[in-house]
C-alpha atoms as a PDB file:
ATOM      1  CA  MET A   1      -1.198  13.464 -18.241  1.00  0.00           C
ATOM      2  CA  THR A   2       1.748  15.347 -16.838  1.00  0.00           C
ATOM      3  CA  SER A   3       4.413  13.592 -14.834  1.00  0.00           C
ATOM      4  CA  SER A   4       3.676  15.601 -11.690  1.00  0.00           C
ATOM      5  CA  TRP A   5       0.005  14.553 -11.871  1.00  0.00           C
ATOM      6  CA  ALA A   6       1.040  10.899 -12.272  1.00  0.00           C
ATOM      7  CA  ILE A   7       3.402  11.132  -9.298  1.00  0.00           C
ATOM      8  CA  GLY A   8       0.705  12.713  -7.127  1.00  0.00           C
ATOM      9  CA  LEU A   9      -1.761  10.009  -8.155  1.00  0.00           C
ATOM     10  CA  LEU A  10       0.738   7.276  -7.334  1.00  0.00           C
ATOM     11  CA  ILE A  11       1.554   8.748  -3.910  1.00  0.00           C
ATOM     12  CA  ALA A  12      -2.147   9.094  -3.046  1.00  0.00           C
ATOM     13  CA  LEU A  13      -2.754   5.507  -4.189  1.00  0.00           C
ATOM     14  CA  ALA A  14       0.188   4.293  -2.088  1.00  0.00           C
ATOM     15  CA  VAL A  15      -1.094   6.051   1.054  1.00  0.00           C
ATOM     16  CA  LEU A  16      -4.560   4.595   0.544  1.00  0.00           C
ATOM     17  CA  ALA A  17      -3.306   1.086  -0.238  1.00  0.00           C
ATOM     18  CA  ALA A  18      -0.843   1.035   2.667  1.00  0.00           C
ATOM     19  CA  ASN A  19      -3.557   1.846   5.215  1.00  0.00           C
ATOM     20  CA  LEU A  20      -6.303  -0.275   3.676  1.00  0.00           C
ATOM     21  CA  PRO A  21      -5.422  -3.579   5.437  1.00  0.00           C
ATOM     22  CA  PHE A  22      -5.740  -1.879   8.811  1.00  0.00           C
ATOM     23  CA  ALA A  23      -8.940   0.011   8.050  1.00  0.00           C
ATOM     24  CA  ASN A  24     -11.371  -2.893   7.749  1.00  0.00           C
ATOM     25  CA  GLN A  25     -11.980  -6.515   8.729  1.00  0.00           C
ATOM     26  CA  ARG A  26     -12.641  -7.877   5.230  1.00  0.00           C
ATOM     27  CA  VAL A  27      -9.950  -9.828   3.436  1.00  0.00           C
ATOM     28  CA  LEU A  28      -8.901  -7.782   0.367  1.00  0.00           C
ATOM     29  CA  LEU A  29     -12.069  -5.682   0.736  1.00  0.00           C
ATOM     30  CA  VAL A  30     -14.164  -8.384  -0.929  1.00  0.00           C
ATOM     31  CA  GLY A  31     -13.631 -11.418   1.255  1.00  0.00           C
ATOM     32  CA  PRO A  32     -15.997 -12.594   3.930  1.00  0.00           C
ATOM     33  CA  PHE A  33     -16.426 -10.529   7.063  1.00  0.00           C
ATOM     34  CA  ARG A  34     -14.279 -11.804   9.897  1.00  0.00           C
ATOM     35  CA  SER A  35     -14.730 -10.823  13.487  1.00  0.00           C
ATOM     36  CA  THR A  36     -10.950 -10.474  13.878  1.00  0.00           C
ATOM     37  CA  LYS A  37      -8.348 -10.453  11.132  1.00  0.00           C
ATOM     38  CA  SER A  38      -4.902 -11.533  12.272  1.00  0.00           C
ATOM     39  CA  LEU A  39      -1.778  -9.457  11.840  1.00  0.00           C
ATOM     40  CA  ALA A  40      -0.350 -12.076   9.461  1.00  0.00           C
ATOM     41  CA  ILE A  41      -3.293 -11.651   7.084  1.00  0.00           C
ATOM     42  CA  ARG A  42      -2.950  -7.870   7.282  1.00  0.00           C
ATOM     43  CA  LEU A  43       0.765  -8.083   6.449  1.00  0.00           C
ATOM     44  CA  ALA A  44       0.052 -10.441   3.527  1.00  0.00           C
ATOM     45  CA  GLU A  45      -2.480  -7.928   2.217  1.00  0.00           C
ATOM     46  CA  LEU A  46       0.112  -5.183   2.657  1.00  0.00           C
ATOM     47  CA  VAL A  47       2.646  -7.078   0.537  1.00  0.00           C
ATOM     48  CA  LEU A  48       0.054  -7.782  -2.151  1.00  0.00           C
ATOM     49  CA  LEU A  49      -1.011  -4.126  -2.248  1.00  0.00           C
ATOM     50  CA  TYR A  50       2.661  -3.082  -2.503  1.00  0.00           C
ATOM     51  CA  PHE A  51       2.913  -5.073  -5.719  1.00  0.00           C
ATOM     52  CA  VAL A  52      -0.393  -3.648  -7.005  1.00  0.00           C
ATOM     53  CA  VAL A  53       0.822  -0.081  -6.430  1.00  0.00           C
ATOM     54  CA  GLY A  54       4.136  -1.025  -8.060  1.00  0.00           C
ATOM     55  CA  ALA A  55       2.294  -2.350 -11.105  1.00  0.00           C
ATOM     56  CA  VAL A  56       0.319   0.910 -11.386  1.00  0.00           C
ATOM     57  CA  GLY A  57       3.582   2.859 -11.113  1.00  0.00           C
ATOM     58  CA  LEU A  58       5.152   0.678 -13.801  1.00  0.00           C
ATOM     59  CA  ALA A  59       2.158   1.269 -16.079  1.00  0.00           C
ATOM     60  CA  LEU A  60       2.368   5.039 -15.528  1.00  0.00           C
ATOM     61  CA  GLU A  61       6.091   4.996 -16.243  1.00  0.00           C
ATOM     62  CA  ASN A  62       5.519   2.948 -19.385  1.00  0.00           C
ATOM     63  CA  HIS A  63       2.868   5.435 -20.506  1.00  0.00           C
ATOM     64  CA  ALA A  64       5.257   8.355 -19.976  1.00  0.00           C
ATOM     65  CA  GLY A  65       8.155   6.779 -21.861  1.00  0.00           C
ATOM     66  CA  GLN A  66      10.815   4.133 -21.488  1.00  0.00           C
ATOM     67  CA  ILE A  67      10.915   2.112 -18.262  1.00  0.00           C
ATOM     68  CA  ALA A  68      14.133   2.629 -16.338  1.00  0.00           C
ATOM     69  CA  PRO A  69      15.875  -0.525 -15.059  1.00  0.00           C
ATOM     70  CA  GLN A  70      15.779  -0.881 -11.264  1.00  0.00           C
ATOM     71  CA  GLY A  71      18.119  -2.693  -8.915  1.00  0.00           C
ATOM     72  CA  TRP A  72      17.438  -4.236  -5.520  1.00  0.00           C
ATOM     73  CA  GLU A  73      18.042  -0.879  -3.849  1.00  0.00           C
ATOM     74  CA  PHE A  74      14.935   0.586  -5.493  1.00  0.00           C
ATOM     75  CA  TYR A  75      12.720  -2.194  -4.163  1.00  0.00           C
ATOM     76  CA  ALA A  76      14.260  -2.003  -0.678  1.00  0.00           C
ATOM     77  CA  ILE A  77      13.614   1.730  -0.470  1.00  0.00           C
ATOM     78  CA  THR A  78      10.085   1.605  -1.900  1.00  0.00           C
ATOM     79  CA  GLY A  79       9.228  -1.288   0.416  1.00  0.00           C
ATOM     80  CA  THR A  80      10.340   0.624   3.485  1.00  0.00           C
ATOM     81  CA  MET A  81       8.510   3.734   2.258  1.00  0.00           C
ATOM     82  CA  PHE A  82       5.341   1.660   1.842  1.00  0.00           C
ATOM     83  CA  LEU A  83       5.724   0.344   5.394  1.00  0.00           C
ATOM     84  CA  THR A  84       6.219   3.902   6.635  1.00  0.00           C
ATOM     85  CA  LEU A  85       3.033   4.976   4.874  1.00  0.00           C
ATOM     86  CA  ALA A  86       1.210   2.102   6.616  1.00  0.00           C
ATOM     87  CA  PHE A  87       2.211   3.334  10.072  1.00  0.00           C
ATOM     88  CA  PRO A  88      -0.898   5.511  10.706  1.00  0.00           C
ATOM     89  CA  GLY A  89      -3.209   2.575   9.964  1.00  0.00           C
ATOM     90  CA  PHE A  90      -1.168   0.288  12.211  1.00  0.00           C
ATOM     91  CA  VAL A  91      -1.279   2.823  15.052  1.00  0.00           C
ATOM     92  CA  TYR A  92      -5.022   3.249  14.650  1.00  0.00           C
ATOM     93  CA  ARG A  93      -5.675  -0.505  14.663  1.00  0.00           C
ATOM     94  CA  TYR A  94      -3.262  -1.759  17.326  1.00  0.00           C
ATOM     95  CA  LEU A  95      -1.924   1.073  19.470  1.00  0.00           C
ATOM     96  CA  MET A  96      -4.823   3.473  20.071  1.00  0.00           C
ATOM     97  CA  HIS A  97      -6.845   2.692  23.155  1.00  0.00           C
ATOM     98  CA  ARG A  98     -10.521   3.159  22.430  1.00  0.00           C
ATOM     99  CA  LYS A  99     -13.237   3.247  25.022  1.00  0.00           C
ATOM    100  CA  HIS A 100     -15.852   0.536  24.581  1.00  0.00           C
END
Protein backbone atom coordinates (compact mmCIF):
# COMPACT_ATOMS: atom_id res chain seq x y z
CA MET A 1 0.00 0.00 0.00
CA THR A 2 1.46 3.32 -1.02
CA SER A 3 1.27 6.32 1.26
CA SER A 4 -0.84 8.31 -1.19
CA TRP A 5 -3.40 5.47 -1.31
CA ALA A 6 -3.49 5.36 2.51
CA ILE A 7 -3.99 9.13 2.71
CA GLY A 8 -6.82 9.01 0.16
CA LEU A 9 -8.47 6.16 2.07
CA LEU A 10 -8.21 8.07 5.34
CA ILE A 11 -9.67 11.26 3.85
CA ALA A 12 -12.58 9.34 2.29
CA LEU A 13 -13.20 7.58 5.61
CA ALA A 14 -13.12 10.91 7.45
CA VAL A 15 -15.67 12.49 5.08
CA LEU A 16 -17.97 9.50 5.44
CA ALA A 17 -17.62 9.30 9.22
CA ALA A 18 -18.08 13.04 9.73
CA ASN A 19 -21.40 13.06 7.87
CA LEU A 20 -22.71 9.75 9.18
CA PRO A 21 -24.33 11.10 12.40
CA PHE A 22 -26.43 13.50 10.35
CA ALA A 23 -27.42 11.03 7.65
CA ASN A 24 -29.62 8.69 9.68
CA GLN A 25 -31.75 8.40 12.82
CA ARG A 26 -30.10 5.28 14.26
CA VAL A 27 -27.65 5.60 17.12
CA LEU A 28 -24.22 4.48 15.82
CA LEU A 29 -25.93 2.86 12.82
CA VAL A 30 -26.89 -0.18 14.90
CA GLY A 31 -28.96 1.26 17.71
CA PRO A 32 -32.72 1.32 17.82
CA PHE A 33 -34.61 3.53 15.41
CA ARG A 34 -35.58 6.82 16.99
CA SER A 35 -38.12 9.18 15.56
CA THR A 36 -35.85 12.13 16.36
CA LYS A 37 -32.22 12.02 17.42
CA SER A 38 -31.10 15.06 19.39
CA LEU A 39 -28.17 17.24 18.43
CA ALA A 40 -26.32 16.17 21.59
CA ILE A 41 -26.43 12.52 20.52
CA ARG A 42 -25.26 13.47 17.03
CA LEU A 43 -22.33 15.43 18.47
CA ALA A 44 -21.41 12.53 20.77
CA GLU A 45 -21.40 10.23 17.75
CA LEU A 46 -19.24 12.76 15.91
CA VAL A 47 -16.65 12.75 18.70
CA LEU A 48 -16.64 8.95 18.84
CA LEU A 49 -16.21 8.69 15.06
CA TYR A 50 -13.35 11.23 15.23
CA PHE A 51 -11.49 8.84 17.52
CA VAL A 52 -12.32 5.86 15.29
CA VAL A 53 -10.91 7.65 12.23
CA GLY A 54 -7.88 8.67 14.31
CA ALA A 55 -7.31 5.05 15.31
CA VAL A 56 -7.46 3.97 11.64
CA GLY A 57 -4.97 6.73 10.78
CA LEU A 58 -2.69 5.60 13.60
CA ALA A 59 -2.85 2.01 12.35
CA LEU A 60 -2.02 3.11 8.79
CA GLU A 61 0.88 5.19 10.05
CA ASN A 62 2.14 2.28 12.13
CA HIS A 63 1.92 0.02 9.08
CA ALA A 64 3.94 2.50 7.00
CA GLY A 65 6.69 2.96 9.58
CA GLN A 66 7.40 4.67 12.86
CA ILE A 67 4.61 6.70 14.48
CA ALA A 68 5.48 10.37 14.78
CA PRO A 69 4.81 12.00 18.17
CA GLN A 70 1.96 14.54 18.09
CA GLY A 71 1.31 17.55 20.29
CA TRP A 72 -1.97 19.22 21.19
CA GLU A 73 -1.79 21.32 18.03
CA PHE A 74 -2.23 18.23 15.86
CA TYR A 75 -5.40 17.20 17.67
CA ALA A 76 -6.80 20.75 17.61
CA ILE A 77 -6.30 21.01 13.85
CA THR A 78 -7.61 17.53 13.03
CA GLY A 79 -10.63 18.12 15.27
CA THR A 80 -11.53 21.34 13.49
CA MET A 81 -10.95 19.67 10.11
CA PHE A 82 -13.31 16.86 11.13
CA LEU A 83 -15.95 19.42 12.13
CA THR A 84 -15.48 21.18 8.79
CA LEU A 85 -15.99 17.88 6.98
CA ALA A 86 -19.23 17.40 8.95
CA PHE A 87 -20.66 20.71 7.74
CA PRO A 88 -22.50 19.32 4.66
CA GLY A 89 -24.32 16.75 6.80
CA PHE A 90 -25.24 19.40 9.37
CA VAL A 91 -26.58 21.70 6.64
CA TYR A 92 -28.60 18.88 5.13
CA ARG A 93 -30.11 17.86 8.47
CA TYR A 94 -30.79 21.22 10.13
CA LEU A 95 -30.62 24.09 7.65
CA MET A 96 -32.23 22.86 4.42
CA HIS A 97 -35.94 23.49 4.22
CA ARG A 98 -37.68 20.50 2.72
CA LYS A 99 -41.24 20.44 1.54
CA HIS A 100 -43.41 17.90 3.34
